[in-house]
Amino acid sequence: MSEELNIPIGLSLDVKGLNCPLPILKTKKALQQIGIGQVLEVFTTDPGSVPDFHAFCRQTGHDLLDTSESDPSYRFLIRKNK
Protein backbone atom coordinates (compact mmCIF):
# COMPACT_ATOMS: atom_id res chain seq x y z
CA MET A 1 0.00 0.00 0.00
CA SER A 2 1.07 3.52 -0.59
CA GLU A 3 1.93 4.97 2.79
CA GLU A 4 0.25 8.28 1.95
CA LEU A 5 -3.21 6.66 1.71
CA ASN A 6 -3.61 6.42 5.51
CA ILE A 7 -6.96 4.63 5.30
CA PRO A 8 -8.48 3.44 8.58
CA ILE A 9 -8.94 -0.34 8.59
CA GLY A 10 -12.19 -1.78 9.93
CA LEU A 11 -11.04 -5.40 9.86
CA SER A 12 -7.92 -7.25 8.75
CA LEU A 13 -8.05 -10.73 7.21
CA ASP A 14 -5.04 -13.00 6.72
CA VAL A 15 -5.69 -15.74 4.16
CA LYS A 16 -2.05 -16.41 3.29
CA GLY A 17 -1.40 -19.96 2.15
CA LEU A 18 -4.95 -20.46 0.87
CA ASN A 19 -5.70 -20.93 -2.83
CA CYS A 20 -8.70 -20.04 -4.96
CA PRO A 21 -11.56 -19.89 -4.15
CA LEU A 22 -10.92 -19.73 -0.37
CA PRO A 23 -9.50 -16.15 -0.21
CA ILE A 24 -12.61 -14.79 -1.95
CA LEU A 25 -15.01 -16.91 0.12
CA LYS A 26 -13.40 -15.82 3.39
CA THR A 27 -13.37 -12.20 2.19
CA LYS A 28 -17.08 -12.37 1.40
CA LYS A 29 -17.74 -13.68 4.93
CA ALA A 30 -15.49 -11.02 6.52
CA LEU A 31 -17.32 -8.23 4.68
CA GLN A 32 -20.49 -9.30 6.51
CA GLN A 33 -18.75 -8.45 9.80
CA ILE A 34 -18.08 -4.78 8.99
CA GLY A 35 -20.37 -1.84 8.31
CA ILE A 36 -21.02 -0.07 5.04
CA GLY A 37 -18.19 2.36 4.32
CA GLN A 38 -15.67 0.45 6.42
CA VAL A 39 -12.50 -0.98 4.91
CA LEU A 40 -11.41 -4.62 4.90
CA GLU A 41 -7.69 -5.32 4.59
CA VAL A 42 -6.88 -8.72 3.08
CA PHE A 43 -3.47 -10.45 2.89
CA THR A 44 -2.99 -13.36 0.44
CA THR A 45 -0.14 -15.33 -1.10
CA ASP A 46 -2.02 -16.73 -4.12
CA PRO A 47 -0.96 -14.85 -7.30
CA GLY A 48 -4.38 -15.69 -8.74
CA SER A 49 -5.97 -13.53 -6.07
CA VAL A 50 -4.97 -10.36 -7.94
CA PRO A 51 -7.41 -10.84 -10.85
CA ASP A 52 -9.86 -12.59 -8.51
CA PHE A 53 -10.17 -9.57 -6.18
CA HIS A 54 -10.53 -7.15 -9.08
CA ALA A 55 -13.36 -9.29 -10.50
CA PHE A 56 -14.95 -9.82 -7.08
CA CYS A 57 -15.14 -6.09 -6.36
CA ARG A 58 -16.42 -5.30 -9.84
CA GLN A 59 -19.16 -7.94 -9.55
CA THR A 60 -20.22 -7.15 -5.98
CA GLY A 61 -20.05 -3.35 -6.13
CA HIS A 62 -17.42 -2.93 -3.42
CA ASP A 63 -14.50 -0.52 -3.97
CA LEU A 64 -11.02 -1.96 -4.39
CA LEU A 65 -9.15 1.00 -2.93
CA ASP A 66 -5.62 -0.31 -3.17
CA THR A 67 -3.58 -3.36 -4.06
CA SER A 68 0.07 -3.92 -3.32
CA GLU A 69 2.60 -6.71 -3.54
CA SER A 70 5.34 -7.44 -1.05
CA ASP A 71 6.87 -10.68 -2.27
CA PRO A 72 5.51 -13.25 -1.58
CA SER A 73 2.26 -11.68 -0.37
CA TYR A 74 -0.45 -9.38 -1.69
CA ARG A 75 -2.51 -6.80 0.18
CA PHE A 76 -5.96 -5.58 -0.82
CA LEU A 77 -8.05 -2.77 0.67
CA ILE A 78 -11.77 -3.16 0.01
CA ARG A 79 -14.43 -0.65 1.02
CA LYS A 80 -17.82 -2.22 1.69
CA ASN A 81 -20.55 -0.47 -0.27
CA LYS A 82 -23.67 -2.52 0.49
C-alpha atoms as a PDB file:
ATOM      1  CA  MET A   1       0.000   0.000   0.000  1.00  0.00           C
ATOM      2  CA  SER A   2       1.073   3.518  -0.594  1.00  0.00           C
ATOM      3  CA  GLU A   3       1.933   4.969   2.790  1.00  0.00           C
ATOM      4  CA  GLU A   4       0.247   8.280   1.948  1.00  0.00           C
ATOM      5  CA  LEU A   5      -3.205   6.657   1.713  1.00  0.00           C
ATOM      6  CA  ASN A   6      -3.608   6.422   5.511  1.00  0.00           C
ATOM      7  CA  ILE A   7      -6.962   4.627   5.297  1.00  0.00           C
ATOM      8  CA  PRO A   8      -8.483   3.437   8.577  1.00  0.00           C
ATOM      9  CA  ILE A   9      -8.935  -0.338   8.592  1.00  0.00           C
ATOM     10  CA  GLY A  10     -12.195  -1.780   9.934  1.00  0.00           C
ATOM     11  CA  LEU A  11     -11.040  -5.402   9.864  1.00  0.00           C
ATOM     12  CA  SER A  12      -7.920  -7.249   8.750  1.00  0.00           C
ATOM     13  CA  LEU A  13      -8.053 -10.734   7.210  1.00  0.00           C
ATOM     14  CA  ASP A  14      -5.037 -13.003   6.720  1.00  0.00           C
ATOM     15  CA  VAL A  15      -5.688 -15.742   4.158  1.00  0.00           C
ATOM     16  CA  LYS A  16      -2.049 -16.406   3.289  1.00  0.00           C
ATOM     17  CA  GLY A  17      -1.403 -19.956   2.154  1.00  0.00           C
ATOM     18  CA  LEU A  18      -4.945 -20.463   0.869  1.00  0.00           C
ATOM     19  CA  ASN A  19      -5.697 -20.929  -2.826  1.00  0.00           C
ATOM     20  CA  CYS A  20      -8.697 -20.039  -4.961  1.00  0.00           C
ATOM     21  CA  PRO A  21     -11.557 -19.894  -4.147  1.00  0.00           C
ATOM     22  CA  LEU A  22     -10.917 -19.727  -0.371  1.00  0.00           C
ATOM     23  CA  PRO A  23      -9.502 -16.150  -0.207  1.00  0.00           C
ATOM     24  CA  ILE A  24     -12.612 -14.790  -1.947  1.00  0.00           C
ATOM     25  CA  LEU A  25     -15.007 -16.914   0.115  1.00  0.00           C
ATOM     26  CA  LYS A  26     -13.395 -15.821   3.386  1.00  0.00           C
ATOM     27  CA  THR A  27     -13.370 -12.195   2.191  1.00  0.00           C
ATOM     28  CA  LYS A  28     -17.082 -12.371   1.404  1.00  0.00           C
ATOM     29  CA  LYS A  29     -17.738 -13.676   4.931  1.00  0.00           C
ATOM     30  CA  ALA A  30     -15.490 -11.018   6.523  1.00  0.00           C
ATOM     31  CA  LEU A  31     -17.319  -8.231   4.680  1.00  0.00           C
ATOM     32  CA  GLN A  32     -20.489  -9.302   6.514  1.00  0.00           C
ATOM     33  CA  GLN A  33     -18.747  -8.448   9.798  1.00  0.00           C
ATOM     34  CA  ILE A  34     -18.079  -4.780   8.995  1.00  0.00           C
ATOM     35  CA  GLY A  35     -20.369  -1.844   8.312  1.00  0.00           C
ATOM     36  CA  ILE A  36     -21.021  -0.069   5.035  1.00  0.00           C
ATOM     37  CA  GLY A  37     -18.190   2.364   4.319  1.00  0.00           C
ATOM     38  CA  GLN A  38     -15.670   0.450   6.419  1.00  0.00           C
ATOM     39  CA  VAL A  39     -12.505  -0.982   4.908  1.00  0.00           C
ATOM     40  CA  LEU A  40     -11.414  -4.618   4.905  1.00  0.00           C
ATOM     41  CA  GLU A  41      -7.692  -5.317   4.594  1.00  0.00           C
ATOM     42  CA  VAL A  42      -6.875  -8.723   3.081  1.00  0.00           C
ATOM     43  CA  PHE A  43      -3.474 -10.453   2.885  1.00  0.00           C
ATOM     44  CA  THR A  44      -2.991 -13.358   0.443  1.00  0.00           C
ATOM     45  CA  THR A  45      -0.137 -15.330  -1.101  1.00  0.00           C
ATOM     46  CA  ASP A  46      -2.016 -16.733  -4.118  1.00  0.00           C
ATOM     47  CA  PRO A  47      -0.960 -14.848  -7.301  1.00  0.00           C
ATOM     48  CA  GLY A  48      -4.381 -15.690  -8.743  1.00  0.00           C
ATOM     49  CA  SER A  49      -5.973 -13.529  -6.071  1.00  0.00           C
ATOM     50  CA  VAL A  50      -4.975 -10.361  -7.943  1.00  0.00           C
ATOM     51  CA  PRO A  51      -7.412 -10.840 -10.847  1.00  0.00           C
ATOM     52  CA  ASP A  52      -9.861 -12.590  -8.505  1.00  0.00           C
ATOM     53  CA  PHE A  53     -10.174  -9.574  -6.181  1.00  0.00           C
ATOM     54  CA  HIS A  54     -10.534  -7.153  -9.085  1.00  0.00           C
ATOM     55  CA  ALA A  55     -13.365  -9.295 -10.503  1.00  0.00           C
ATOM     56  CA  PHE A  56     -14.953  -9.822  -7.078  1.00  0.00           C
ATOM     57  CA  CYS A  57     -15.141  -6.090  -6.364  1.00  0.00           C
ATOM     58  CA  ARG A  58     -16.423  -5.304  -9.840  1.00  0.00           C
ATOM     59  CA  GLN A  59     -19.159  -7.944  -9.551  1.00  0.00           C
ATOM     60  CA  THR A  60     -20.220  -7.148  -5.978  1.00  0.00           C
ATOM     61  CA  GLY A  61     -20.047  -3.348  -6.132  1.00  0.00           C
ATOM     62  CA  HIS A  62     -17.416  -2.928  -3.421  1.00  0.00           C
ATOM     63  CA  ASP A  63     -14.501  -0.524  -3.970  1.00  0.00           C
ATOM     64  CA  LEU A  64     -11.020  -1.962  -4.391  1.00  0.00           C
ATOM     65  CA  LEU A  65      -9.155   1.004  -2.927  1.00  0.00           C
ATOM     66  CA  ASP A  66      -5.620  -0.312  -3.173  1.00  0.00           C
ATOM     67  CA  THR A  67      -3.577  -3.362  -4.062  1.00  0.00           C
ATOM     68  CA  SER A  68       0.067  -3.921  -3.320  1.00  0.00           C
ATOM     69  CA  GLU A  69       2.598  -6.709  -3.538  1.00  0.00           C
ATOM     70  CA  SER A  70       5.335  -7.445  -1.047  1.00  0.00           C
ATOM     71  CA  ASP A  71       6.866 -10.677  -2.274  1.00  0.00           C
ATOM     72  CA  PRO A  72       5.513 -13.253  -1.584  1.00  0.00           C
ATOM     73  CA  SER A  73       2.257 -11.682  -0.367  1.00  0.00           C
ATOM     74  CA  TYR A  74      -0.450  -9.377  -1.688  1.00  0.00           C
ATOM     75  CA  ARG A  75      -2.508  -6.800   0.179  1.00  0.00           C
ATOM     76  CA  PHE A  76      -5.959  -5.575  -0.820  1.00  0.00           C
ATOM     77  CA  LEU A  77      -8.054  -2.772   0.672  1.00  0.00           C
ATOM     78  CA  ILE A  78     -11.768  -3.160   0.013  1.00  0.00           C
ATOM     79  CA  ARG A  79     -14.431  -0.649   1.023  1.00  0.00           C
ATOM     80  CA  LYS A  80     -17.818  -2.225   1.695  1.00  0.00           C
ATOM     81  CA  ASN A  81     -20.554  -0.471  -0.272  1.00  0.00           C
ATOM     82  CA  LYS A  82     -23.665  -2.518   0.492  1.00  0.00           C
END
